[in-house]
N, C-alpha and C. Protein backbone atom coordinates (compact mmCIF):
# COMPACT_ATOMS: atom_id res chain seq x y z
N MET A 1 -19.54 3.55 29.65
CA MET A 1 -18.79 2.72 29.32
C MET A 1 -17.78 2.78 28.29
N LYS A 2 -16.30 2.43 28.19
CA LYS A 2 -15.69 2.93 27.34
C LYS A 2 -15.55 1.81 26.03
N ARG A 3 -15.27 2.64 24.95
CA ARG A 3 -15.15 1.80 23.88
C ARG A 3 -13.63 1.46 23.59
N ARG A 4 -13.27 0.43 23.22
CA ARG A 4 -11.72 -0.13 22.95
C ARG A 4 -11.56 -0.06 21.44
N ILE A 5 -10.73 0.58 21.12
CA ILE A 5 -10.29 0.71 19.61
C ILE A 5 -9.28 -0.12 19.48
N ILE A 6 -9.50 -1.18 18.66
CA ILE A 6 -8.26 -2.10 18.37
C ILE A 6 -7.85 -2.08 16.75
N LEU A 7 -6.79 -1.69 16.72
CA LEU A 7 -6.08 -1.71 15.34
C LEU A 7 -5.45 -3.11 14.99
N LYS A 8 -5.87 -3.45 13.79
CA LYS A 8 -5.13 -4.53 13.24
C LYS A 8 -4.33 -4.48 12.28
N PHE A 9 -3.57 -5.20 11.73
CA PHE A 9 -2.64 -5.39 10.56
C PHE A 9 -3.49 -5.68 9.40
N ASN A 10 -3.28 -4.68 8.45
CA ASN A 10 -3.98 -4.79 7.16
C ASN A 10 -3.47 -5.85 6.38
N LYS A 11 -3.85 -7.22 6.34
CA LYS A 11 -3.33 -7.81 5.34
C LYS A 11 -3.35 -7.49 3.63
N LEU A 12 -4.06 -6.74 3.33
CA LEU A 12 -4.14 -6.34 1.80
C LEU A 12 -3.35 -4.79 1.54
N PHE A 13 -2.63 -4.56 2.49
CA PHE A 13 -1.94 -3.45 2.64
C PHE A 13 -1.45 -2.82 0.85
N TYR A 14 -1.17 -4.11 0.40
CA TYR A 14 -0.48 -3.51 -1.17
C TYR A 14 -1.50 -3.09 -2.03
N LYS A 15 -2.76 -3.14 -1.85
CA LYS A 15 -3.77 -2.67 -2.76
C LYS A 15 -4.26 -1.23 -2.26
N SER A 16 -3.68 -0.73 -1.08
CA SER A 16 -4.12 0.56 -0.50
C SER A 16 -3.15 1.66 -1.34
N PHE A 17 -3.95 2.76 -1.78
CA PHE A 17 -3.30 4.02 -2.40
C PHE A 17 -2.57 4.70 -1.53
N ASN A 18 -2.84 4.64 -0.14
CA ASN A 18 -2.03 5.52 0.68
C ASN A 18 -0.59 5.01 0.88
N PHE A 19 -0.81 3.65 1.19
CA PHE A 19 0.39 2.88 1.35
C PHE A 19 1.61 3.04 0.36
N TRP A 20 1.19 2.97 -1.14
CA TRP A 20 2.28 3.21 -2.31
C TRP A 20 2.44 4.57 -2.29
N LEU A 21 1.63 5.72 -2.14
CA LEU A 21 2.16 6.85 -2.08
C LEU A 21 3.07 7.18 -0.84
N GLY A 22 2.71 6.74 0.32
CA GLY A 22 3.61 6.81 1.48
C GLY A 22 5.21 6.30 1.04
N PHE A 23 5.01 5.16 0.23
CA PHE A 23 6.26 4.39 0.15
C PHE A 23 7.04 5.35 -0.77
N ILE A 24 6.53 5.85 -1.91
CA ILE A 24 7.30 6.62 -2.91
C ILE A 24 7.81 7.88 -2.21
N MET A 25 6.66 8.49 -1.08
CA MET A 25 7.21 9.79 -0.65
C MET A 25 8.37 9.22 0.37
N PHE A 26 8.44 8.45 0.99
CA PHE A 26 9.32 7.92 2.14
C PHE A 26 10.67 7.65 1.36
N LEU A 27 10.66 6.94 0.10
CA LEU A 27 11.99 6.83 -0.51
C LEU A 27 12.40 8.05 -0.92
N GLY A 28 11.54 9.11 -1.47
CA GLY A 28 12.05 10.31 -1.80
C GLY A 28 12.45 11.10 -0.68
N GLY A 29 12.19 10.67 0.51
CA GLY A 29 12.60 11.50 1.70
C GLY A 29 13.95 11.02 2.16
N ILE A 30 14.58 10.02 1.91
CA ILE A 30 15.53 9.23 2.41
C ILE A 30 16.75 10.07 2.07
N SER A 31 16.45 10.87 0.76
CA SER A 31 17.83 11.81 0.50
C SER A 31 18.22 12.91 1.32
N LEU A 32 17.03 12.85 2.59
CA LEU A 32 17.44 13.81 3.58
C LEU A 32 18.71 13.69 4.22
N PHE A 33 19.09 12.30 4.48
CA PHE A 33 19.99 11.84 5.30
C PHE A 33 21.40 12.32 5.26
N PRO A 34 21.81 11.92 3.65
CA PRO A 34 23.10 12.56 3.44
C PRO A 34 23.03 14.04 3.42
N ALA A 35 22.28 14.75 4.21
CA ALA A 35 22.30 16.29 4.02
C ALA A 35 23.55 17.15 4.49
N VAL A 36 24.50 16.37 5.36
CA VAL A 36 25.36 17.07 5.73
C VAL A 36 26.77 16.57 5.14
N ALA A 37 26.79 17.22 3.57
CA ALA A 37 27.75 17.07 2.58
C ALA A 37 28.42 18.15 2.46
N PRO A 38 29.63 18.30 2.10
CA PRO A 38 30.21 19.63 1.71
C PRO A 38 29.26 20.43 0.67
N ASN A 39 29.47 21.42 0.39
CA ASN A 39 28.88 22.57 -0.09
C ASN A 39 27.23 22.21 -0.31
N ASN A 40 26.68 21.84 0.88
CA ASN A 40 25.09 21.56 0.94
C ASN A 40 24.70 22.05 2.24
N PRO A 41 23.94 23.12 2.05
CA PRO A 41 23.47 23.58 3.58
C PRO A 41 22.66 23.01 4.12
N VAL A 42 22.86 22.93 5.46
CA VAL A 42 21.86 22.18 6.18
C VAL A 42 20.77 22.96 6.61
N PHE A 43 19.52 22.59 6.78
CA PHE A 43 18.52 23.43 7.35
C PHE A 43 18.20 24.42 6.40
N SER A 44 18.39 24.27 5.12
CA SER A 44 17.86 25.11 4.09
C SER A 44 16.31 24.99 3.87
N ASN A 45 15.76 25.70 3.00
CA ASN A 45 14.30 25.49 2.86
C ASN A 45 13.86 24.08 2.33
N TRP A 46 14.87 23.66 1.18
CA TRP A 46 14.61 22.65 0.69
C TRP A 46 14.91 21.44 1.62
N TRP A 47 15.73 21.43 2.72
CA TRP A 47 16.00 20.37 3.53
C TRP A 47 14.56 20.32 4.35
N TRP A 48 14.11 21.20 4.78
CA TRP A 48 12.81 21.24 5.43
C TRP A 48 11.69 20.70 4.84
N ILE A 49 11.38 21.00 3.49
CA ILE A 49 10.69 20.58 2.80
C ILE A 49 10.54 19.06 2.48
N ASN A 50 12.09 18.65 2.39
CA ASN A 50 12.35 16.99 2.17
C ASN A 50 11.95 16.41 3.71
N LEU A 51 11.98 17.07 4.65
CA LEU A 51 11.88 16.48 5.96
C LEU A 51 10.40 16.42 6.09
N ALA A 52 9.65 17.24 5.63
CA ALA A 52 8.20 17.15 5.75
C ALA A 52 7.53 16.08 4.85
N GLU A 53 8.26 15.90 3.69
CA GLU A 53 8.17 14.57 2.79
C GLU A 53 8.30 13.43 3.28
N PHE A 54 9.26 13.21 3.94
CA PHE A 54 9.68 11.87 4.74
C PHE A 54 8.68 11.59 5.68
N LEU A 55 8.50 12.48 6.67
CA LEU A 55 7.33 12.27 7.81
C LEU A 55 6.02 12.21 7.20
N PHE A 56 5.54 12.76 6.26
CA PHE A 56 4.32 12.46 5.63
C PHE A 56 3.83 11.29 5.05
N GLY A 57 5.27 10.78 4.25
CA GLY A 57 5.42 9.45 3.64
C GLY A 57 5.45 8.39 4.62
N LEU A 58 6.10 8.57 5.94
CA LEU A 58 6.10 7.59 6.74
C LEU A 58 4.71 7.47 7.70
N SER A 59 3.89 8.68 7.56
CA SER A 59 2.73 8.51 8.00
C SER A 59 1.73 7.76 7.28
N LEU A 60 1.77 7.89 6.13
CA LEU A 60 0.94 7.34 5.04
C LEU A 60 1.10 5.74 4.93
N LEU A 61 2.66 5.57 5.23
CA LEU A 61 3.00 4.05 5.27
C LEU A 61 2.31 3.41 6.62
N ILE A 62 2.37 3.94 7.44
CA ILE A 62 1.81 3.47 8.81
C ILE A 62 0.20 3.46 8.51
N GLU A 63 -0.48 4.45 7.93
CA GLU A 63 -1.79 4.31 7.74
C GLU A 63 -2.25 3.04 7.03
N GLY A 64 -1.55 2.81 5.79
CA GLY A 64 -1.67 1.83 5.13
C GLY A 64 -1.63 0.34 5.63
N LEU A 65 -0.52 0.48 6.70
CA LEU A 65 -0.44 -1.00 7.24
C LEU A 65 -1.35 -1.26 8.46
N ILE A 66 -1.91 -0.29 8.94
CA ILE A 66 -3.11 -0.28 9.78
C ILE A 66 -4.54 -0.59 9.51
N GLN A 67 -5.17 -1.66 9.95
CA GLN A 67 -6.67 -1.74 9.47
C GLN A 67 -7.54 -0.99 10.55
N LYS A 68 -8.24 -0.24 9.98
CA LYS A 68 -9.20 0.71 10.99
C LYS A 68 -10.47 -0.16 11.21
N PRO A 69 -10.91 -0.19 12.56
CA PRO A 69 -12.11 -0.89 12.64
C PRO A 69 -13.47 -0.12 11.99
N LYS A 70 -14.17 -0.98 11.37
CA LYS A 70 -15.50 -0.49 10.84
C LYS A 70 -16.58 0.10 11.69
N ASN A 71 -17.02 1.19 11.29
CA ASN A 71 -18.18 1.74 12.32
C ASN A 71 -19.33 0.70 12.25
N SER A 72 -19.56 0.09 13.62
CA SER A 72 -20.79 -0.71 13.69
C SER A 72 -21.69 -0.20 14.78
N ARG A 73 -22.85 -0.39 14.63
CA ARG A 73 -23.63 -0.06 15.94
C ARG A 73 -24.37 -1.23 16.27
N LYS A 74 -24.28 -1.23 17.52
CA LYS A 74 -24.92 -2.34 18.33
C LYS A 74 -26.25 -1.99 18.98
């Protein structure tokens, strides 16, 4: 028998530490996009670190917005 995992929207997302940490990291990673500016080397080490910060922040945002089902045994 298959168990279905149903993910729901977390209505109390603003109380989640992961959401706010992801929000700050997401905003910090937005500076990645104007990376093609004069005198700015694209694909430098800092660019890759900034990309990783942006993606990790995005994953934390999504994790904070989704409510995970609680483990319950029937």
